[in-house]
């Protein structure tokens, strides 16, 4: 698989999500107190990313 979400625990004990494409980290989220919170963020991304506008800040 060329892309995937990874849920992991950081050094502070918070759960984070990172999205990888071809082994490169594309983005990571803020820390969540629970693993369930991290999984909810994935579902939110999946639900809304297709409709996200693009802003050119140049």
Protein backbone atom coordinates (compact mmCIF):
# COMPACT_ATOMS: atom_id res chain seq x y z
CA UNK A 1 0.00 0.00 0.00
CA UNK A 2 1.42 3.36 -1.01
CA UNK A 3 -0.42 5.38 1.65
CA UNK A 4 -1.64 4.83 5.20
CA UNK A 5 -2.59 6.43 8.50
CA UNK A 6 -0.51 5.48 11.54
CA UNK A 7 -1.66 5.95 15.14
CA UNK A 8 1.19 6.14 17.62
CA UNK A 9 2.00 7.32 21.13
CA UNK A 10 4.47 10.20 21.35
CA UNK A 11 7.06 10.90 24.03
CA UNK A 12 4.52 12.81 26.15
CA UNK A 13 2.12 9.86 26.18
CA UNK A 14 -0.34 11.45 23.75
CA UNK A 15 -1.77 9.64 20.73
CA UNK A 16 -1.05 11.16 17.35
CA UNK A 17 -1.91 10.31 13.76
CA UNK A 18 0.47 10.64 10.86
CA UNK A 19 -0.32 10.10 7.21
CA UNK A 20 2.39 8.48 5.12
CA UNK A 21 2.69 8.20 1.37
CA UNK A 22 5.46 5.98 0.00
CA UNK A 23 7.10 5.95 3.46
CA UNK A 24 7.23 9.77 3.59
CA UNK A 25 5.31 11.55 6.35
CA UNK A 26 2.93 13.99 4.68
CA UNK A 27 1.32 15.36 7.87
CA UNK A 28 0.75 14.59 11.51
CA UNK A 29 -1.96 15.69 13.92
CA UNK A 30 -2.02 17.30 17.33
CA UNK A 31 -1.82 15.02 20.35
CA UNK A 32 -4.95 13.31 21.73
CA UNK A 33 -5.48 11.99 25.25
CA UNK A 34 -7.00 8.74 23.98
CA UNK A 35 -6.49 6.40 21.07
CA UNK A 36 -10.20 6.78 20.32
CA UNK A 37 -9.68 10.52 19.87
CA UNK A 38 -6.92 9.83 17.36
CA UNK A 39 -9.17 7.44 15.43
CA UNK A 40 -11.98 10.04 15.39
CA UNK A 41 -9.55 12.49 13.77
CA UNK A 42 -8.88 9.95 11.00
CA UNK A 43 -12.61 9.58 10.35
CA UNK A 44 -13.00 13.36 10.25
CA UNK A 45 -10.17 13.68 7.73
CA UNK A 46 -11.65 10.92 5.57
CA UNK A 47 -15.08 12.55 5.67
CA UNK A 48 -14.12 16.13 4.86
CA UNK A 49 -10.87 16.08 2.89
CA UNK A 50 -12.53 15.66 -0.49
CA UNK A 51 -14.37 18.97 -0.04
CA UNK A 52 -11.43 20.94 1.35
CA UNK A 53 -10.74 24.14 -0.56
CA UNK A 54 -7.27 25.06 -1.77
CA UNK A 55 -5.90 28.46 -0.75
CA UNK A 56 -2.97 29.96 -2.61
CA UNK A 57 -1.29 32.24 -0.10
CA UNK A 58 1.23 33.65 -2.53
